[in-house]
Amino acid sequence: MVNCEAGGDCGGGDPSGVYDYAYYTGIPDSSCEQYVAKNLDKSTCQPIDICRDCRGPPPAEGQSGLDNCWAVDYKKYYASNYYSLSGANQMKAELFKNGPIGCGIDATDGLEAYEGGIYSE
């Protein structure tokens, strides 16, 4: 999801983009590629950026090691549907009816200064 910027990048994002990508494109199992906490170094997402296998030796520090890797086919998992809702009552009703939900908040300056208690803005 991070490599293909499906819903954002390491600087932030929107969960709805992840659901959109999962609905239309499909996503691999999390075992398909190890998570690396950095944005892709190029502007396009290629098959090797989604699912790959590699052989040793491990790359030297600072090296990508991609010269020992290749793209592999993978099973795609799709979101069957997704939609938006907002407000505490709609969120509680959705949780009761269908289970877990994904949500996001705007990280305002006020939230950045939060130190405890119930936050409201």
PDB file of N, CA and C in Angstrom:
ATOM      1  N   MET A   1       0.823  -1.184   0.000  1.00  0.00           N
ATOM      2  CA  MET A   1       0.000   0.000   0.000  1.00  0.00           C
ATOM      3  C   MET A   1       0.869   1.251   0.000  1.00  0.00           C
ATOM      4  N   VAL A   2       1.970   1.233   0.771  1.00  0.00           N
ATOM      5  CA  VAL A   2       2.853   2.396   0.810  1.00  0.00           C
ATOM      6  C   VAL A   2       3.610   2.525  -0.509  1.00  0.00           C
ATOM      7  N   ASN A   3       4.137   1.410  -1.035  1.00  0.00           N
ATOM      8  CA  ASN A   3       4.907   1.476  -2.274  1.00  0.00           C
ATOM      9  C   ASN A   3       4.102   2.067  -3.422  1.00  0.00           C
ATOM     10  N   CYS A   4       2.854   1.715  -3.533  1.00  0.00           N
ATOM     11  CA  CYS A   4       2.030   2.187  -4.646  1.00  0.00           C
ATOM     12  C   CYS A   4       1.257   3.449  -4.287  1.00  0.00           C
ATOM     13  N   GLU A   5       1.540   4.010  -3.123  1.00  0.00           N
ATOM     14  CA  GLU A   5       0.877   5.220  -2.626  1.00  0.00           C
ATOM     15  C   GLU A   5      -0.642   5.106  -2.751  1.00  0.00           C
ATOM     16  N   ALA A   6      -1.161   3.964  -2.370  1.00  0.00           N
ATOM     17  CA  ALA A   6      -2.603   3.716  -2.394  1.00  0.00           C
ATOM     18  C   ALA A   6      -3.205   4.267  -1.111  1.00  0.00           C
ATOM     19  N   GLY A   7      -3.538   5.506  -1.123  1.00  0.00           N
ATOM     20  CA  GLY A   7      -4.112   6.138   0.053  1.00  0.00           C
ATOM     21  C   GLY A   7      -3.143   7.060   0.759  1.00  0.00           C
ATOM     22  N   GLY A   8      -1.941   7.219   0.246  1.00  0.00           N
ATOM     23  CA  GLY A   8      -0.991   8.126   0.860  1.00  0.00           C
ATOM     24  C   GLY A   8       0.418   7.607   0.797  1.00  0.00           C
ATOM     25  N   ASP A   9       1.263   8.194   1.613  1.00  0.00           N
ATOM     26  CA  ASP A   9       2.651   7.775   1.687  1.00  0.00           C
ATOM     27  C   ASP A   9       3.113   7.936   3.130  1.00  0.00           C
ATOM     28  N   CYS A  10       4.400   7.893   3.363  1.00  0.00           N
ATOM     29  CA  CYS A  10       4.908   7.970   4.737  1.00  0.00           C
ATOM     30  C   CYS A  10       4.611   9.308   5.403  1.00  0.00           C
ATOM     31  N   GLY A  11       4.220  10.315   4.622  1.00  0.00           N
ATOM     32  CA  GLY A  11       3.884  11.619   5.174  1.00  0.00           C
ATOM     33  C   GLY A  11       2.437  11.726   5.625  1.00  0.00           C
ATOM     34  N   GLY A  12       1.622  10.719   5.375  1.00  0.00           N
ATOM     35  CA  GLY A  12       0.214  10.754   5.768  1.00  0.00           C
ATOM     36  C   GLY A  12      -0.660  10.234   4.653  1.00  0.00           C
ATOM     37  N   GLY A  13      -1.928  10.114   4.935  1.00  0.00           N
ATOM     38  CA  GLY A  13      -2.808   9.594   3.901  1.00  0.00           C
ATOM     39  C   GLY A  13      -4.249   9.548   4.325  1.00  0.00           C
ATOM     40  N   ASP A  14      -5.021   8.811   3.574  1.00  0.00           N
ATOM     41  CA  ASP A  14      -6.452   8.690   3.773  1.00  0.00           C
ATOM     42  C   ASP A  14      -6.828   7.219   3.597  1.00  0.00           C
ATOM     43  N   PRO A  15      -7.418   6.585   4.630  1.00  0.00           N
ATOM     44  CA  PRO A  15      -7.755   5.168   4.515  1.00  0.00           C
ATOM     45  C   PRO A  15      -8.685   4.849   3.348  1.00  0.00           C
ATOM     46  N   SER A  16      -9.467   5.805   2.887  1.00  0.00           N
ATOM     47  CA  SER A  16     -10.385   5.515   1.778  1.00  0.00           C
ATOM     48  C   SER A  16      -9.614   5.147   0.515  1.00  0.00           C
ATOM     49  N   GLY A  17      -8.421   5.694   0.326  1.00  0.00           N
ATOM     50  CA  GLY A  17      -7.603   5.329  -0.825  1.00  0.00           C
ATOM     51  C   GLY A  17      -7.174   3.876  -0.784  1.00  0.00           C
ATOM     52  N   VAL A  18      -6.925   3.357   0.406  1.00  0.00           N
ATOM     53  CA  VAL A  18      -6.554   1.953   0.566  1.00  0.00           C
ATOM     54  C   VAL A  18      -7.721   1.065   0.155  1.00  0.00           C
ATOM     55  N   TYR A  19      -8.925   1.403   0.604  1.00  0.00           N
ATOM     56  CA  TYR A  19     -10.095   0.611   0.244  1.00  0.00           C
ATOM     57  C   TYR A  19     -10.364   0.694  -1.253  1.00  0.00           C
ATOM     58  N   ASP A  20     -10.188   1.865  -1.839  1.00  0.00           N
ATOM     59  CA  ASP A  20     -10.372   2.033  -3.275  1.00  0.00           C
ATOM     60  C   ASP A  20      -9.401   1.139  -4.049  1.00  0.00           C
ATOM     61  N   TYR A  21      -8.145   1.134  -3.640  1.00  0.00           N
ATOM     62  CA  TYR A  21      -7.128   0.302  -4.278  1.00  0.00           C
ATOM     63  C   TYR A  21      -7.468  -1.185  -4.114  1.00  0.00           C
ATOM     64  N   ALA A  22      -7.869  -1.577  -2.919  1.00  0.00           N
ATOM     65  CA  ALA A  22      -8.227  -2.979  -2.663  1.00  0.00           C
ATOM     66  C   ALA A  22      -9.460  -3.389  -3.460  1.00  0.00           C
ATOM     67  N   TYR A  23     -10.387  -2.482  -3.676  1.00  0.00           N
ATOM     68  CA  TYR A  23     -11.609  -2.786  -4.421  1.00  0.00           C
ATOM     69  C   TYR A  23     -11.312  -2.974  -5.905  1.00  0.00           C
ATOM     70  N   TYR A  24     -10.545  -2.057  -6.491  1.00  0.00           N
ATOM     71  CA  TYR A  24     -10.318  -2.074  -7.939  1.00  0.00           C
ATOM     72  C   TYR A  24      -9.094  -2.876  -8.380  1.00  0.00           C
ATOM     73  N   THR A  25      -8.031  -2.875  -7.584  1.00  0.00           N
ATOM     74  CA  THR A  25      -6.773  -3.478  -7.997  1.00  0.00           C
ATOM     75  C   THR A  25      -6.493  -4.802  -7.300  1.00  0.00           C
ATOM     76  N   GLY A  26      -6.874  -4.903  -6.047  1.00  0.00           N
ATOM     77  CA  GLY A  26      -6.555  -6.080  -5.246  1.00  0.00           C
ATOM     78  C   GLY A  26      -5.199  -5.905  -4.578  1.00  0.00           C
ATOM     79  N   ILE A  27      -5.055  -6.512  -3.427  1.00  0.00           N
ATOM     80  CA  ILE A  27      -3.814  -6.383  -2.672  1.00  0.00           C
ATOM     81  C   ILE A  27      -3.272  -7.765  -2.322  1.00  0.00           C
ATOM     82  N   PRO A  28      -1.943  -7.870  -2.172  1.00  0.00           N
ATOM     83  CA  PRO A  28      -1.346  -9.160  -1.817  1.00  0.00           C
ATOM     84  C   PRO A  28      -1.422  -9.403  -0.313  1.00  0.00           C
ATOM     85  N   ASP A  29      -1.145 -10.626   0.083  1.00  0.00           N
ATOM     86  CA  ASP A  29      -1.004 -10.973   1.490  1.00  0.00           C
ATOM     87  C   ASP A  29       0.181 -10.204   2.060  1.00  0.00           C
ATOM     88  N   SER A  30       0.152  -9.926   3.331  1.00  0.00           N
ATOM     89  CA  SER A  30       1.241  -9.159   3.946  1.00  0.00           C
ATOM     90  C   SER A  30       2.571  -9.899   3.915  1.00  0.00           C
ATOM     91  N   SER A  31       2.555 -11.203   3.683  1.00  0.00           N
ATOM     92  CA  SER A  31       3.801 -11.960   3.603  1.00  0.00           C
ATOM     93  C   SER A  31       4.483 -11.801   2.248  1.00  0.00           C
ATOM     94  N   CYS A  32       3.851 -11.110   1.320  1.00  0.00           N
ATOM     95  CA  CYS A  32       4.364 -10.977  -0.030  1.00  0.00           C
ATOM     96  C   CYS A  32       5.640 -10.139  -0.091  1.00  0.00           C
ATOM     97  N   GLU A  33       5.774  -9.175   0.791  1.00  0.00           N
ATOM     98  CA  GLU A  33       6.952  -8.318   0.793  1.00  0.00           C
ATOM     99  C   GLU A  33       7.125  -7.731   2.189  1.00  0.00           C
ATOM    100  N   GLN A  34       8.349  -7.618   2.624  1.00  0.00           N
ATOM    101  CA  GLN A  34       8.621  -7.040   3.937  1.00  0.00           C
ATOM    102  C   GLN A  34       8.371  -5.537   3.905  1.00  0.00           C
ATOM    103  N   TYR A  35       7.718  -5.027   4.943  1.00  0.00           N
ATOM    104  CA  TYR A  35       7.455  -3.591   5.044  1.00  0.00           C
ATOM    105  C   TYR A  35       8.754  -2.848   5.322  1.00  0.00           C
ATOM    106  N   VAL A  36       8.981  -1.790   4.587  1.00  0.00           N
ATOM    107  CA  VAL A  36      10.119  -0.907   4.802  1.00  0.00           C
ATOM    108  C   VAL A  36       9.550   0.487   4.992  1.00  0.00           C
ATOM    109  N   ALA A  37       9.881   1.129   6.075  1.00  0.00           N
ATOM    110  CA  ALA A  37       9.295   2.428   6.413  1.00  0.00           C
ATOM    111  C   ALA A  37       9.946   3.551   5.613  1.00  0.00           C
ATOM    112  N   LYS A  38       9.704   3.559   4.311  1.00  0.00           N
ATOM    113  CA  LYS A  38      10.171   4.650   3.458  1.00  0.00           C
ATOM    114  C   LYS A  38       9.354   4.650   2.183  1.00  0.00           C
ATOM    115  N   ASN A  39       9.272   5.813   1.558  1.00  0.00           N
ATOM    116  CA  ASN A  39       8.567   5.920   0.294  1.00  0.00           C
ATOM    117  C   ASN A  39       9.399   5.289  -0.817  1.00  0.00           C
ATOM    118  N   LEU A  40       8.726   4.811  -1.842  1.00  0.00           N
ATOM    119  CA  LEU A  40       9.392   4.253  -3.010  1.00  0.00           C
ATOM    120  C   LEU A  40      10.279   5.326  -3.638  1.00  0.00           C
ATOM    121  N   ASP A  41      11.455   4.958  -4.085  1.00  0.00           N
ATOM    122  CA  ASP A  41      12.405   5.920  -4.644  1.00  0.00           C
ATOM    123  C   ASP A  41      12.087   6.336  -6.079  1.00  0.00           C
ATOM    124  N   LYS A  42      11.078   5.747  -6.675  1.00  0.00           N
ATOM    125  CA  LYS A  42      10.731   6.103  -8.050  1.00  0.00           C
ATOM    126  C   LYS A  42       9.255   6.492  -8.107  1.00  0.00           C
ATOM    127  N   SER A  43       8.843   7.038  -9.237  1.00  0.00           N
ATOM    128  CA  SER A  43       7.487   7.588  -9.325  1.00  0.00           C
ATOM    129  C   SER A  43       6.423   6.572  -9.711  1.00  0.00           C
ATOM    130  N   THR A  44       6.807   5.368 -10.144  1.00  0.00           N
ATOM    131  CA  THR A  44       5.814   4.378 -10.542  1.00  0.00           C
ATOM    132  C   THR A  44       5.967   3.102  -9.721  1.00  0.00           C
ATOM    133  N   CYS A  45       4.869   2.444  -9.507  1.00  0.00           N
ATOM    134  CA  CYS A  45       4.835   1.195  -8.767  1.00  0.00           C
ATOM    135  C   CYS A  45       4.874   0.047  -9.772  1.00  0.00           C
ATOM    136  N   GLN A  46       5.917  -0.765  -9.727  1.00  0.00           N
ATOM    137  CA  GLN A  46       6.101  -1.880 -10.635  1.00  0.00           C
ATOM    138  C   GLN A  46       5.768  -3.196  -9.918  1.00  0.00           C
ATOM    139  N   PRO A  47       5.556  -4.289 -10.649  1.00  0.00           N
ATOM    140  CA  PRO A  47       5.257  -5.577 -10.009  1.00  0.00           C
ATOM    141  C   PRO A  47       6.272  -5.987  -8.940  1.00  0.00           C
ATOM    142  N   ILE A  48       7.549  -5.695  -9.135  1.00  0.00           N
ATOM    143  CA  ILE A  48       8.560  -6.066  -8.141  1.00  0.00           C
ATOM    144  C   ILE A  48       8.386  -5.269  -6.844  1.00  0.00           C
ATOM    145  N   ASP A  49       7.706  -4.125  -6.920  1.00  0.00           N
ATOM    146  CA  ASP A  49       7.449  -3.303  -5.739  1.00  0.00           C
ATOM    147  C   ASP A  49       6.259  -3.815  -4.937  1.00  0.00           C
ATOM    148  N   ILE A  50       5.477  -4.706  -5.527  1.00  0.00           N
ATOM    149  CA  ILE A  50       4.273  -5.219  -4.881  1.00  0.00           C
ATOM    150  C   ILE A  50       4.530  -6.577  -4.235  1.00  0.00           C
ATOM    151  N   CYS A  51       5.159  -7.479  -4.982  1.00  0.00           N
ATOM    152  CA  CYS A  51       5.416  -8.810  -4.455  1.00  0.00           C
ATOM    153  C   CYS A  51       6.682  -9.354  -5.086  1.00  0.00           C
ATOM    154  N   ARG A  52       7.634  -9.702  -4.242  1.00  0.00           N
ATOM    155  CA  ARG A  52       8.904 -10.191  -4.769  1.00  0.00           C
ATOM    156  C   ARG A  52       9.482 -11.279  -3.890  1.00  0.00           C
ATOM    157  N   ASP A  53      10.403 -12.011  -4.499  1.00  0.00           N
ATOM    158  CA  ASP A  53      11.193 -13.001  -3.783  1.00  0.00           C
ATOM    159  C   ASP A  53      12.644 -12.657  -4.062  1.00  0.00           C
ATOM    160  N   CYS A  54      13.509 -12.977  -3.135  1.00  0.00           N
ATOM    161  CA  CYS A  54      14.922 -12.628  -3.279  1.00  0.00           C
ATOM    162  C   CYS A  54      15.782 -13.809  -2.844  1.00  0.00           C
ATOM    163  N   ARG A  55      17.013 -13.809  -3.321  1.00  0.00           N
ATOM    164  CA  ARG A  55      17.986 -14.798  -2.861  1.00  0.00           C
ATOM    165  C   ARG A  55      19.179 -14.035  -2.297  1.00  0.00           C
ATOM    166  N   GLY A  56      19.938 -14.700  -1.455  1.00  0.00           N
ATOM    167  CA  GLY A  56      21.071 -14.084  -0.776  1.00  0.00           C
ATOM    168  C   GLY A  56      22.224 -13.810  -1.703  1.00  0.00           C
ATOM    169  N   PRO A  57      23.221 -13.190  -1.201  1.00  0.00           N
ATOM    170  CA  PRO A  57      23.363 -12.778   0.194  1.00  0.00           C
ATOM    171  C   PRO A  57      22.586 -11.502   0.472  1.00  0.00           C
ATOM    172  N   PRO A  58      22.362 -11.198   1.760  1.00  0.00           N
ATOM    173  CA  PRO A  58      21.671  -9.946   2.095  1.00  0.00           C
ATOM    174  C   PRO A  58      22.475  -8.756   1.558  1.00  0.00           C
ATOM    175  N   PRO A  59      21.793  -7.683   1.183  1.00  0.00           N
ATOM    176  CA  PRO A  59      22.513  -6.529   0.638  1.00  0.00           C
ATOM    177  C   PRO A  59      23.336  -5.828   1.714  1.00  0.00           C
ATOM    178  N   ALA A  60      24.372  -5.143   1.270  1.00  0.00           N
ATOM    179  CA  ALA A  60      25.174  -4.332   2.183  1.00  0.00           C
ATOM    180  C   ALA A  60      24.336  -3.154   2.671  1.00  0.00           C
ATOM    181  N   GLU A  61      24.687  -2.611   3.800  1.00  0.00           N
ATOM    182  CA  GLU A  61      23.972  -1.460   4.359  1.00  0.00           C
ATOM    183  C   GLU A  61      23.934  -0.332   3.331  1.00  0.00           C
ATOM    184  N   GLY A  62      22.752   0.238   3.156  1.00  0.00           N
ATOM    185  CA  GLY A  62      22.572   1.318   2.197  1.00  0.00           C
ATOM    186  C   GLY A  62      22.244   0.862   0.790  1.00  0.00           C
ATOM    187  N   GLN A  63      22.297  -0.448   0.520  1.00  0.00           N
ATOM    188  CA  GLN A  63      21.982  -0.988  -0.795  1.00  0.00           C
ATOM    189  C   GLN A  63      20.575  -1.581  -0.793  1.00  0.00           C
ATOM    190  N   SER A  64      19.896  -1.530  -1.944  1.00  0.00           N
ATOM    191  CA  SER A  64      18.530  -2.043  -2.025  1.00  0.00           C
ATOM    192  C   SER A  64      18.483  -3.564  -2.075  1.00  0.00           C
ATOM    193  N   GLY A  65      19.469  -4.185  -2.689  1.00  0.00           N
ATOM    194  CA  GLY A  65      19.459  -5.631  -2.842  1.00  0.00           C
ATOM    195  C   GLY A  65      18.529  -6.117  -3.927  1.00  0.00           C
ATOM    196  N   LEU A  66      17.905  -5.215  -4.678  1.00  0.00           N
ATOM    197  CA  LEU A  66      16.940  -5.615  -5.693  1.00  0.00           C
ATOM    198  C   LEU A  66      17.562  -6.384  -6.852  1.00  0.00           C
ATOM    199  N   ASP A  67      18.875  -6.311  -7.020  1.00  0.00           N
ATOM    200  CA  ASP A  67      19.496  -7.062  -8.102  1.00  0.00           C
ATOM    201  C   ASP A  67      19.413  -8.570  -7.863  1.00  0.00           C
ATOM    202  N   ASN A  68      19.107  -8.984  -6.646  1.00  0.00           N
ATOM    203  CA  ASN A  68      18.931 -10.401  -6.311  1.00  0.00           C
ATOM    204  C   ASN A  68      17.451 -10.757  -6.118  1.00  0.00           C
ATOM    205  N   CYS A  69      16.549  -9.920  -6.641  1.00  0.00           N
ATOM    206  CA  CYS A  69      15.106 -10.126  -6.435  1.00  0.00           C
ATOM    207  C   CYS A  69      14.369 -10.151  -7.773  1.00  0.00           C
ATOM    208  N   TRP A  70      13.178 -10.726  -7.751  1.00  0.00           N
ATOM    209  CA  TRP A  70      12.332 -10.781  -8.923  1.00  0.00           C
ATOM    210  C   TRP A  70      10.879 -10.715  -8.486  1.00  0.00           C
ATOM    211  N   ALA A  71      10.031 -10.213  -9.370  1.00  0.00           N
ATOM    212  CA  ALA A  71       8.592 -10.138  -9.112  1.00  0.00           C
ATOM    213  C   ALA A  71       8.001 -11.541  -9.163  1.00  0.00           C
ATOM    214  N   VAL A  72       7.024 -11.811  -8.310  1.00  0.00           N
ATOM    215  CA  VAL A  72       6.339 -13.101  -8.317  1.00  0.00           C
ATOM    216  C   VAL A  72       4.831 -12.874  -8.416  1.00  0.00           C
ATOM    217  N   ASP A  73       4.149 -13.845  -9.000  1.00  0.00           N
ATOM    218  CA  ASP A  73       2.683 -13.795  -9.030  1.00  0.00           C
ATOM    219  C   ASP A  73       2.158 -13.951  -7.616  1.00  0.00           C
ATOM    220  N   TYR A  74       1.028 -13.378  -7.346  1.00  0.00           N
ATOM    221  CA  TYR A  74       0.458 -13.458  -6.012  1.00  0.00           C
ATOM    222  C   TYR A  74      -1.060 -13.466  -6.088  1.00  0.00           C
ATOM    223  N   LYS A  75      -1.670 -14.017  -5.063  1.00  0.00           N
ATOM    224  CA  LYS A  75      -3.127 -13.996  -4.961  1.00  0.00           C
ATOM    225  C   LYS A  75      -3.550 -12.587  -4.567  1.00  0.00           C
ATOM    226  N   LYS A  76      -4.562 -12.072  -5.240  1.00  0.00           N
ATOM    227  CA  LYS A  76      -5.074 -10.742  -4.930  1.00  0.00           C
ATOM    228  C   LYS A  76      -6.309 -10.856  -4.038  1.00  0.00           C
ATOM    229  N   TYR A  77      -6.341 -10.042  -3.024  1.00  0.00           N
ATOM    230  CA  TYR A  77      -7.493  -9.947  -2.132  1.00  0.00           C
ATOM    231  C   TYR A  77      -8.199  -8.624  -2.423  1.00  0.00           C
ATOM    232  N   TYR A  78      -9.507  -8.680  -2.536  1.00  0.00           N
ATOM    233  CA  TYR A  78     -10.293  -7.507  -2.908  1.00  0.00           C
ATOM    234  C   TYR A  78     -11.251  -7.117  -1.789  1.00  0.00           C
ATOM    235  N   ALA A  79     -11.505  -5.833  -1.669  1.00  0.00           N
ATOM    236  CA  ALA A  79     -12.580  -5.353  -0.801  1.00  0.00           C
ATOM    237  C   ALA A  79     -13.882  -5.541  -1.578  1.00  0.00           C
ATOM    238  N   SER A  80     -14.876  -6.154  -0.965  1.00  0.00           N
ATOM    239  CA  SER A  80     -16.127  -6.400  -1.683  1.00  0.00           C
ATOM    240  C   SER A  80     -16.969  -5.139  -1.816  1.00  0.00           C
ATOM    241  N   ASN A  81     -16.831  -4.225  -0.889  1.00  0.00           N
ATOM    242  CA  ASN A  81     -17.480  -2.915  -0.977  1.00  0.00           C
ATOM    243  C   ASN A  81     -16.885  -2.003   0.100  1.00  0.00           C
ATOM    244  N   TYR A  82     -17.139  -0.739  -0.034  1.00  0.00           N
ATOM    245  CA  TYR A  82     -16.736   0.231   0.981  1.00  0.00           C
ATOM    246  C   TYR A  82     -17.550   1.493   0.768  1.00  0.00           C
ATOM    247  N   TYR A  83     -17.672   2.293   1.793  1.00  0.00           N
ATOM    248  CA  TYR A  83     -18.485   3.498   1.725  1.00  0.00           C
ATOM    249  C   TYR A  83     -18.076   4.425   2.861  1.00  0.00           C
ATOM    250  N   SER A  84     -18.547   5.632   2.793  1.00  0.00           N
ATOM    251  CA  SER A  84     -18.210   6.639   3.798  1.00  0.00           C
ATOM    252  C   SER A  84     -19.361   6.841   4.760  1.00  0.00           C
ATOM    253  N   LEU A  85     -19.017   7.216   5.957  1.00  0.00           N
ATOM    254  CA  LEU A  85     -19.988   7.643   6.957  1.00  0.00           C
ATOM    255  C   LEU A  85     -19.248   8.555   7.920  1.00  0.00           C
ATOM    256  N   SER A  86     -19.977   9.296   8.726  1.00  0.00           N
ATOM    257  CA  SER A  86     -19.319  10.180   9.686  1.00  0.00           C
ATOM    258  C   SER A  86     -20.217  10.379  10.892  1.00  0.00           C
ATOM    259  N   GLY A  87     -19.613  10.782  11.957  1.00  0.00           N
ATOM    260  CA  GLY A  87     -20.348  11.036  13.190  1.00  0.00           C
ATOM    261  C   GLY A  87     -20.355   9.843  14.115  1.00  0.00           C
ATOM    262  N   ALA A  88     -20.355  10.136  15.407  1.00  0.00           N
ATOM    263  CA  ALA A  88     -20.268   9.076  16.411  1.00  0.00           C
ATOM    264  C   ALA A  88     -21.417   8.075  16.300  1.00  0.00           C
ATOM    265  N   ASN A  89     -22.641   8.544  16.093  1.00  0.00           N
ATOM    266  CA  ASN A  89     -23.782   7.621  16.041  1.00  0.00           C
ATOM    267  C   ASN A  89     -23.723   6.698  14.829  1.00  0.00           C
ATOM    268  N   GLN A  90     -23.359   7.228  13.672  1.00  0.00           N
ATOM    269  CA  GLN A  90     -23.241   6.376  12.483  1.00  0.00           C
ATOM    270  C   GLN A  90     -22.092   5.380  12.659  1.00  0.00           C
ATOM    271  N   MET A  91     -20.997   5.815  13.261  1.00  0.00           N
ATOM    272  CA  MET A  91     -19.863   4.914  13.472  1.00  0.00           C
ATOM    273  C   MET A  91     -20.240   3.793  14.441  1.00  0.00           C
ATOM    274  N   LYS A  92     -20.943   4.124  15.525  1.00  0.00           N
ATOM    275  CA  LYS A  92     -21.357   3.088  16.483  1.00  0.00           C
ATOM    276  C   LYS A  92     -22.326   2.099  15.843  1.00  0.00           C
ATOM    277  N   ALA A  93     -23.263   2.598  15.034  1.00  0.00           N
ATOM    278  CA  ALA A  93     -24.223   1.717  14.360  1.00  0.00           C
ATOM    279  C   ALA A  93     -23.496   0.788  13.384  1.00  0.00           C
ATOM    280  N   GLU A  94     -22.518   1.306  12.672  1.00  0.00           N
ATOM    281  CA  GLU A  94     -21.756   0.499  11.728  1.00  0.00           C
ATOM    282  C   GLU A  94     -20.955  -0.573  12.448  1.00  0.00           C
ATOM    283  N   LEU A  95     -20.326  -0.213  13.550  1.00  0.00           N
ATOM    284  CA  LEU A  95     -19.581  -1.186  14.352  1.00  0.00           C
ATOM    285  C   LEU A  95     -20.485  -2.304  14.832  1.00  0.00           C
ATOM    286  N   PHE A  96     -21.674  -1.942  15.295  1.00  0.00           N
ATOM    287  CA  PHE A  96     -22.623  -2.933  15.795  1.00  0.00           C
ATOM    288  C   PHE A  96     -23.089  -3.861  14.673  1.00  0.00           C
ATOM    289  N   LYS A  97     -23.369  -3.274  13.507  1.00  0.00           N
ATOM    290  CA  LYS A  97     -23.924  -4.048  12.398  1.00  0.00           C
ATOM    291  C   LYS A  97     -22.869  -4.892  11.668  1.00  0.00           C
ATOM    292  N   ASN A  98     -21.701  -4.319  11.390  1.00  0.00           N
ATOM    293  CA  ASN A  98     -20.736  -4.979  10.504  1.00  0.00           C
ATOM    294  C   ASN A  98     -19.354  -5.217  11.094  1.00  0.00           C
ATOM    295  N   GLY A  99     -19.076  -4.745  12.294  1.00  0.00           N
ATOM    296  CA  GLY A  99     -17.757  -4.964  12.878  1.00  0.00           C
ATOM    297  C   GLY A  99     -16.805  -3.812  12.635  1.00  0.00           C
ATOM    298  N   PRO A 100     -15.512  -4.089  12.650  1.00  0.00           N
ATOM    299  CA  PRO A 100     -14.496  -3.032  12.609  1.00  0.00           C
ATOM    300  C   PRO A 100     -14.639  -2.090  11.421  1.00  0.00           C
ATOM    301  N   ILE A 101     -14.238  -0.837  11.631  1.00  0.00           N
ATOM    302  CA  ILE A 101     -14.233   0.175  10.582  1.00  0.00           C
ATOM    303  C   ILE A 101     -12.850   0.802  10.511  1.00  0.00           C
ATOM    304  N   GLY A 102     -12.537   1.395   9.393  1.00  0.00           N
ATOM    305  CA  GLY A 102     -11.314   2.172   9.239  1.00  0.00           C
ATOM    306  C   GLY A 102     -11.678   3.634   9.279  1.00  0.00           C
ATOM    307  N   CYS A 103     -10.889   4.420   9.954  1.00  0.00           N
ATOM    308  CA  CYS A 103     -11.194   5.845  10.005  1.00  0.00           C
ATOM    309  C   CYS A 103      -9.913   6.657  10.134  1.00  0.00           C
ATOM    310  N   GLY A 104     -10.027   7.913   9.866  1.00  0.00           N
ATOM    311  CA  GLY A 104      -8.893   8.814   9.971  1.00  0.00           C
ATOM    312  C   GLY A 104      -9.335  10.120  10.599  1.00  0.00           C
ATOM    313  N   ILE A 105      -8.375  10.870  11.070  1.00  0.00           N
ATOM    314  CA  ILE A 105      -8.649  12.186  11.634  1.00  0.00           C
ATOM    315  C   ILE A 105      -7.660  13.181  11.051  1.00  0.00           C
ATOM    316  N   ASP A 106      -8.014  14.438  11.091  1.00  0.00           N
ATOM    317  CA  ASP A 106      -7.135  15.498  10.632  1.00  0.00           C
ATOM    318  C   ASP A 106      -6.176  15.847  11.768  1.00  0.00           C
ATOM    319  N   ALA A 107      -4.892  15.670  11.542  1.00  0.00           N
ATOM    320  CA  ALA A 107      -3.886  15.946  12.575  1.00  0.00           C
ATOM    321  C   ALA A 107      -3.591  17.449  12.607  1.00  0.00           C
ATOM    322  N   THR A 108      -4.439  18.190  13.283  1.00  0.00           N
ATOM    323  CA  THR A 108      -4.301  19.642  13.375  1.00  0.00           C
ATOM    324  C   THR A 108      -3.207  20.026  14.370  1.00  0.00           C
ATOM    325  N   ASP A 109      -2.876  21.300  14.411  1.00  0.00           N
ATOM    326  CA  ASP A 109      -1.911  21.781  15.400  1.00  0.00           C
ATOM    327  C   ASP A 109      -2.411  21.516  16.813  1.00  0.00           C
ATOM    328  N   GLY A 110      -3.724  21.659  17.021  1.00  0.00           N
ATOM    329  CA  GLY A 110      -4.298  21.386  18.338  1.00  0.00           C
ATOM    330  C   GLY A 110      -4.105  19.935  18.748  1.00  0.00           C
ATOM    331  N   LEU A 111      -4.297  19.028  17.828  1.00  0.00           N
ATOM    332  CA  LEU A 111      -4.091  17.613  18.122  1.00  0.00           C
ATOM    333  C   LEU A 111      -2.613  17.336  18.390  1.00  0.00           C
ATOM    334  N   GLU A 112      -1.744  17.967  17.633  1.00  0.00           N
ATOM    335  CA  GLU A 112      -0.303  17.782  17.850  1.00  0.00           C
ATOM    336  C   GLU A 112       0.107  18.213  19.256  1.00  0.00           C
ATOM    337  N   ALA A 113      -0.608  19.192  19.841  1.00  0.00           N
ATOM    338  CA  ALA A 113      -0.276  19.686  21.181  1.00  0.00           C
ATOM    339  C   ALA A 113      -0.998  18.917  22.288  1.00  0.00           C
ATOM    340  N   TYR A 114      -1.819  17.928  21.933  1.00  0.00           N
ATOM    341  CA  TYR A 114      -2.602  17.140  22.881  1.00  0.00           C
ATOM    342  C   TYR A 114      -1.694  16.480  23.919  1.00  0.00           C
ATOM    343  N   GLU A 115      -2.102  16.563  25.184  1.00  0.00           N
ATOM    344  CA  GLU A 115      -1.288  15.965  26.257  1.00  0.00           C
ATOM    345  C   GLU A 115      -2.055  14.986  27.122  1.00  0.00           C
ATOM    346  N   GLY A 116      -3.351  14.806  26.914  1.00  0.00           N
ATOM    347  CA  GLY A 116      -4.105  13.837  27.689  1.00  0.00           C
ATOM    348  C   GLY A 116      -5.556  14.249  27.879  1.00  0.00           C
ATOM    349  N   GLY A 117      -6.382  13.307  28.331  1.00  0.00           N
ATOM    350  CA  GLY A 117      -7.784  13.575  28.553  1.00  0.00           C
ATOM    351  C   GLY A 117      -8.584  13.362  27.288  1.00  0.00           C
ATOM    352  N   ILE A 118      -9.841  13.795  27.300  1.00  0.00           N
ATOM    353  CA  ILE A 118     -10.728  13.669  26.139  1.00  0.00           C
ATOM    354  C   ILE A 118     -10.451  14.843  25.222  1.00  0.00           C
ATOM    355  N   TYR A 119     -10.105  14.558  24.005  1.00  0.00           N
ATOM    356  CA  TYR A 119      -9.764  15.611  23.043  1.00  0.00           C
ATOM    357  C   TYR A 119     -11.000  16.031  22.271  1.00  0.00           C
ATOM    358  N   SER A 120     -11.183  17.318  22.106  1.00  0.00           N
ATOM    359  CA  SER A 120     -12.282  17.845  21.314  1.00  0.00           C
ATOM    360  C   SER A 120     -11.797  19.105  20.601  1.00  0.00           C
ATOM    361  N   GLU A 121     -12.166  19.214  19.330  1.00  0.00           N
ATOM    362  CA  GLU A 121     -11.808  20.418  18.578  1.00  0.00           C
ATOM    363  C   GLU A 121     -12.954  20.809  17.676  1.00  0.00           C
TER     364      GLU A 121
END
